[in-house]
Amino acid sequence: MKNLMIFCSSLVISTTLVSCASTGGAGAPSKTQAFALQGCGAGAVAGGLLGLISGSDKVLKGAALGCGLGAIIGYSIGKRTQKYVDAEQAMDAEIARNQQNTRELKSYNGKLAQGIRTYQNKIDTIRAAKIDASAKQTQLANVKSTAQKQLNKAQTALNSVNKEIVVAKKQQVTYTTKTVVVEAKPAKAKKRANNNAKWKAEIANLEKEKNILNKHVKSLTALSSSI
């Protein structure tokens, strides 16, 4: 019951934040601040709910962490949105951004896959070597240390990509909604429809590379644990 009361309190606070972010007039927050406040409010509700499910002291912690993550994502959306003059510019810029992110992630995944193979080969070679157990353990420990560093980097990259995908999807929905209005010129309407489809496809490509990265993270985790 106590946890439910705490969660309800966080819900009230988050609702207030979203209301403040949505209200115009003097003293109203900027677009970037508004998105951050809205993200904080939504994140607090989600985090608080997870904390409620988990139990006891995790309600406020979940709400706080959810608010922080939501604010970061909301701030990113606001910052990017401020740069765009219209929906067409937003589409072009976001599509290019998604393509660049996918290229970079694909390249990183390739290097990571090669690194995992190299670590595994080293482990197999060390274990098969006819050396004393102490030397073997030292060499394996060195490989594990290097692999763990790569795992930490990969996990950080995975977290960043997950956030980027959330922002990209929100942007896509926002600007797709803005271009739903029937255009006077059919050619322009067709171009926007094609851009919307292309934008969605690029986000899907980024998600595909993210899933590959996720597999690499699991592989590195298993590899490190096996040593």
Protein backbone atom coordinates (compact mmCIF):
# COMPACT_ATOMS: atom_id res chain seq x y z
CA MET A 1 0.00 0.00 0.00
CA LYS A 2 2.85 2.34 0.88
CA ASN A 3 4.51 1.62 -2.45
CA LEU A 4 1.28 2.35 -4.28
CA MET A 5 0.98 5.71 -2.50
CA ILE A 6 4.56 6.59 -3.47
CA PHE A 7 3.88 5.61 -7.06
CA CYS A 8 0.71 7.70 -7.13
CA SER A 9 2.71 10.66 -5.84
CA SER A 10 5.23 10.24 -8.65
CA LEU A 11 2.34 10.04 -11.10
CA VAL A 12 0.94 13.36 -9.84
CA ILE A 13 4.37 15.00 -10.06
CA SER A 14 5.00 13.67 -13.57
CA THR A 15 1.55 14.82 -14.73
CA THR A 16 2.33 18.29 -13.40
CA LEU A 17 5.62 18.31 -15.30
CA VAL A 18 3.93 17.37 -18.56
CA SER A 19 1.22 20.00 -17.99
CA CYS A 20 3.82 22.68 -17.34
CA ALA A 21 5.70 21.68 -20.46
CA SER A 22 2.54 21.90 -22.56
CA THR A 23 1.36 25.28 -21.30
CA GLY A 24 2.30 28.34 -23.32
CA GLY A 25 2.49 31.99 -22.30
CA ALA A 26 5.07 34.06 -20.49
CA GLY A 27 7.68 32.05 -18.67
CA ALA A 28 6.87 28.88 -20.61
CA PRO A 29 9.83 26.56 -21.24
CA SER A 30 11.58 26.46 -24.60
CA LYS A 31 10.82 23.63 -27.02
CA THR A 32 13.94 21.77 -25.86
CA GLN A 33 13.03 22.20 -22.19
CA ALA A 34 9.44 21.19 -22.86
CA PHE A 35 10.48 17.93 -24.52
CA ALA A 36 12.84 17.24 -21.60
CA LEU A 37 10.07 17.83 -19.05
CA GLN A 38 7.64 15.66 -20.98
CA GLY A 39 10.26 12.92 -21.26
CA CYS A 40 10.96 13.15 -17.55
CA GLY A 41 7.26 12.85 -16.73
CA ALA A 42 6.71 9.84 -18.97
CA GLY A 43 9.92 8.20 -17.77
CA ALA A 44 9.00 8.73 -14.13
CA VAL A 45 5.68 6.95 -14.61
CA ALA A 46 7.30 4.01 -16.40
CA GLY A 47 10.19 3.79 -13.93
CA GLY A 48 7.88 4.13 -10.95
CA LEU A 49 5.65 1.36 -12.26
CA LEU A 50 8.62 -0.96 -12.68
CA GLY A 51 9.72 -0.09 -9.16
CA LEU A 52 6.23 -0.83 -7.86
CA ILE A 53 6.31 -4.24 -9.50
CA SER A 54 9.83 -4.93 -8.18
CA GLY A 55 8.87 -3.94 -4.65
CA SER A 56 9.69 -1.83 -1.58
CA ASP A 57 12.43 0.76 -1.96
CA LYS A 58 12.60 0.60 -5.76
CA VAL A 59 9.59 2.80 -6.52
CA LEU A 60 11.30 6.18 -6.07
CA LYS A 61 14.55 4.88 -7.56
CA GLY A 62 12.67 3.66 -10.63
CA ALA A 63 10.82 6.96 -10.98
CA ALA A 64 14.05 8.96 -10.64
CA LEU A 65 15.94 6.82 -13.18
CA GLY A 66 12.98 6.89 -15.56
CA CYS A 67 12.76 10.67 -15.28
CA GLY A 68 16.47 11.03 -15.99
CA LEU A 69 16.42 8.78 -19.05
CA GLY A 70 13.19 10.33 -20.33
CA ALA A 71 14.61 13.82 -19.91
CA ILE A 72 17.74 12.91 -21.90
CA ILE A 73 15.67 11.49 -24.75
CA GLY A 74 13.23 14.41 -24.62
CA TYR A 75 16.09 16.91 -24.66
CA SER A 76 17.61 15.18 -27.70
CA ILE A 77 14.31 15.40 -29.56
CA GLY A 78 13.86 19.07 -28.68
CA LYS A 79 17.42 19.95 -29.65
CA ARG A 80 17.11 18.32 -33.04
CA THR A 81 13.60 19.65 -33.70
CA GLN A 82 14.71 23.24 -33.13
CA LYS A 83 17.06 23.02 -36.12
CA TYR A 84 14.39 22.10 -38.64
CA VAL A 85 12.52 24.76 -40.59
CA ASP A 86 9.84 22.42 -41.91
CA ALA A 87 8.87 18.75 -42.16
CA GLU A 88 10.74 18.21 -45.43
CA GLN A 89 14.00 19.46 -43.97
CA ALA A 90 13.43 17.25 -40.92
CA MET A 91 12.88 14.20 -43.11
CA ASP A 92 16.02 14.80 -45.18
CA ALA A 93 18.17 15.46 -42.12
CA GLU A 94 16.85 12.52 -40.09
CA ILE A 95 17.13 10.09 -42.99
CA ALA A 96 20.75 11.16 -43.53
CA ARG A 97 21.42 10.84 -39.80
CA ASN A 98 19.95 7.33 -39.69
CA GLN A 99 21.99 6.27 -42.71
CA GLN A 100 25.19 7.58 -41.14
CA ASN A 101 24.45 5.86 -37.83
CA THR A 102 23.75 2.59 -39.61
CA ARG A 103 27.00 2.79 -41.61
CA GLU A 104 29.04 3.50 -38.50
CA LEU A 105 27.35 0.76 -36.49
CA LYS A 106 27.77 -1.76 -39.31
CA SER A 107 31.49 -0.97 -39.42
CA TYR A 108 31.76 -1.29 -35.64
CA ASN A 109 29.89 -4.60 -35.71
CA GLY A 110 32.33 -5.94 -38.29
CA LYS A 111 35.34 -5.01 -36.13
CA LEU A 112 33.63 -6.40 -33.04
CA ALA A 113 32.91 -9.73 -34.75
CA GLN A 114 36.57 -9.99 -35.79
CA GLY A 115 37.66 -9.15 -32.26
CA ILE A 116 35.45 -11.86 -30.77
CA ARG A 117 36.96 -14.44 -33.14
CA THR A 118 40.45 -13.29 -32.21
CA TYR A 119 39.75 -13.57 -28.48
CA GLN A 120 38.30 -17.04 -28.90
CA ASN A 121 41.32 -18.18 -30.94
CA LYS A 122 43.68 -16.83 -28.28
CA ILE A 123 41.76 -18.62 -25.54
CA ASP A 124 41.84 -21.90 -27.46
CA THR A 125 45.56 -21.52 -28.20
CA ILE A 126 46.45 -20.75 -24.57
CA ARG A 127 44.41 -23.67 -23.25
CA ALA A 128 46.05 -26.04 -25.74
CA ALA A 129 49.57 -24.76 -25.02
CA LYS A 130 51.95 -26.99 -23.05
CA ILE A 131 52.81 -24.49 -20.35
CA ASP A 132 52.43 -24.55 -16.58
CA ALA A 133 49.03 -23.76 -15.09
CA SER A 134 50.17 -20.48 -13.52
CA ALA A 135 51.45 -19.05 -16.81
CA LYS A 136 48.33 -20.26 -18.58
CA GLN A 137 46.10 -18.58 -16.01
CA THR A 138 48.02 -15.30 -16.33
CA GLN A 139 47.66 -15.28 -20.11
CA LEU A 140 43.96 -16.10 -19.90
CA ALA A 141 43.48 -13.31 -17.37
CA ASN A 142 45.07 -10.85 -19.82
CA VAL A 143 42.72 -11.93 -22.60
CA LYS A 144 39.75 -11.64 -20.25
CA SER A 145 40.77 -8.13 -19.24
CA THR A 146 40.99 -7.02 -22.87
CA ALA A 147 37.70 -8.71 -23.76
CA GLN A 148 36.00 -7.08 -20.78
CA LYS A 149 37.07 -3.63 -21.96
CA GLN A 150 35.58 -4.36 -25.37
CA LEU A 151 32.41 -5.60 -23.69
CA ASN A 152 32.09 -2.36 -21.71
CA LYS A 153 32.48 -0.31 -24.89
CA ALA A 154 29.99 -2.48 -26.75
CA GLN A 155 27.45 -2.17 -23.94
CA THR A 156 27.84 1.63 -23.95
CA ALA A 157 27.37 1.66 -27.72
CA LEU A 158 24.26 -0.53 -27.38
CA ASN A 159 22.74 1.83 -24.82
CA SER A 160 23.42 4.81 -27.09
CA VAL A 161 21.89 3.12 -30.12
CA ASN A 162 18.79 2.14 -28.14
CA LYS A 163 18.27 5.79 -27.15
CA GLU A 164 18.91 6.95 -30.71
CA ILE A 165 16.30 4.56 -32.06
CA VAL A 166 13.72 5.82 -29.55
CA VAL A 167 14.38 9.42 -30.64
CA ALA A 168 14.40 8.49 -34.34
CA LYS A 169 11.02 6.76 -34.07
CA LYS A 170 9.49 9.70 -32.22
CA GLN A 171 10.79 12.10 -34.86
CA GLN A 172 9.45 9.91 -37.64
CA VAL A 173 5.98 9.75 -36.10
CA THR A 174 5.98 13.51 -35.41
CA TYR A 175 6.91 14.59 -38.91
CA THR A 176 4.87 11.90 -40.64
CA THR A 177 1.82 13.28 -38.83
CA LYS A 178 2.70 16.78 -39.98
CA THR A 179 2.76 15.69 -43.63
CA VAL A 180 -0.52 13.82 -43.63
CA VAL A 181 -2.36 16.91 -44.91
CA VAL A 182 -3.25 16.47 -48.58
CA GLU A 183 -0.94 18.50 -50.79
CA ALA A 184 -2.22 20.69 -53.61
CA LYS A 185 0.55 19.29 -55.82
CA PRO A 186 0.40 15.49 -56.22
CA ALA A 187 4.14 15.33 -57.02
CA LYS A 188 5.04 16.92 -53.70
CA ALA A 189 2.67 14.61 -51.82
CA LYS A 190 4.24 11.59 -53.53
CA LYS A 191 7.74 12.76 -52.64
CA ARG A 192 6.77 13.11 -48.99
CA ALA A 193 5.14 9.68 -48.99
CA ASN A 194 8.33 8.18 -50.47
CA ASN A 195 10.44 9.98 -47.88
CA ASN A 196 8.25 8.65 -45.08
CA ALA A 197 8.67 5.09 -46.38
CA LYS A 198 12.41 5.59 -46.79
CA TRP A 199 12.70 7.04 -43.28
CA LYS A 200 10.93 4.03 -41.80
CA ALA A 201 13.19 1.68 -43.75
CA GLU A 202 16.34 3.44 -42.53
CA ILE A 203 15.19 3.14 -38.91
CA ALA A 204 14.58 -0.58 -39.54
CA ASN A 205 18.14 -0.91 -40.92
CA LEU A 206 19.52 0.74 -37.79
CA GLU A 207 17.49 -1.63 -35.61
CA LYS A 208 18.88 -4.58 -37.57
CA GLU A 209 22.46 -3.49 -36.83
CA LYS A 210 21.47 -2.85 -33.21
CA ASN A 211 20.28 -6.45 -32.93
CA ILE A 212 23.61 -7.65 -34.29
CA LEU A 213 25.40 -5.50 -31.71
CA ASN A 214 23.21 -7.01 -29.02
CA LYS A 215 24.31 -10.50 -30.11
CA HIS A 216 27.95 -9.40 -29.95
CA VAL A 217 27.42 -8.11 -26.41
CA LYS A 218 25.99 -11.50 -25.42
CA SER A 219 28.89 -13.29 -27.12
CA LEU A 220 31.48 -11.17 -25.32
CA THR A 221 29.67 -11.70 -22.02
CA ALA A 222 29.69 -15.48 -22.52
CA LEU A 223 33.33 -15.42 -23.65
CA SER A 224 34.44 -13.42 -20.62
CA SER A 225 32.49 -15.69 -18.28
CA SER A 226 34.09 -18.80 -19.79
CA ILE A 227 37.60 -17.76 -18.78
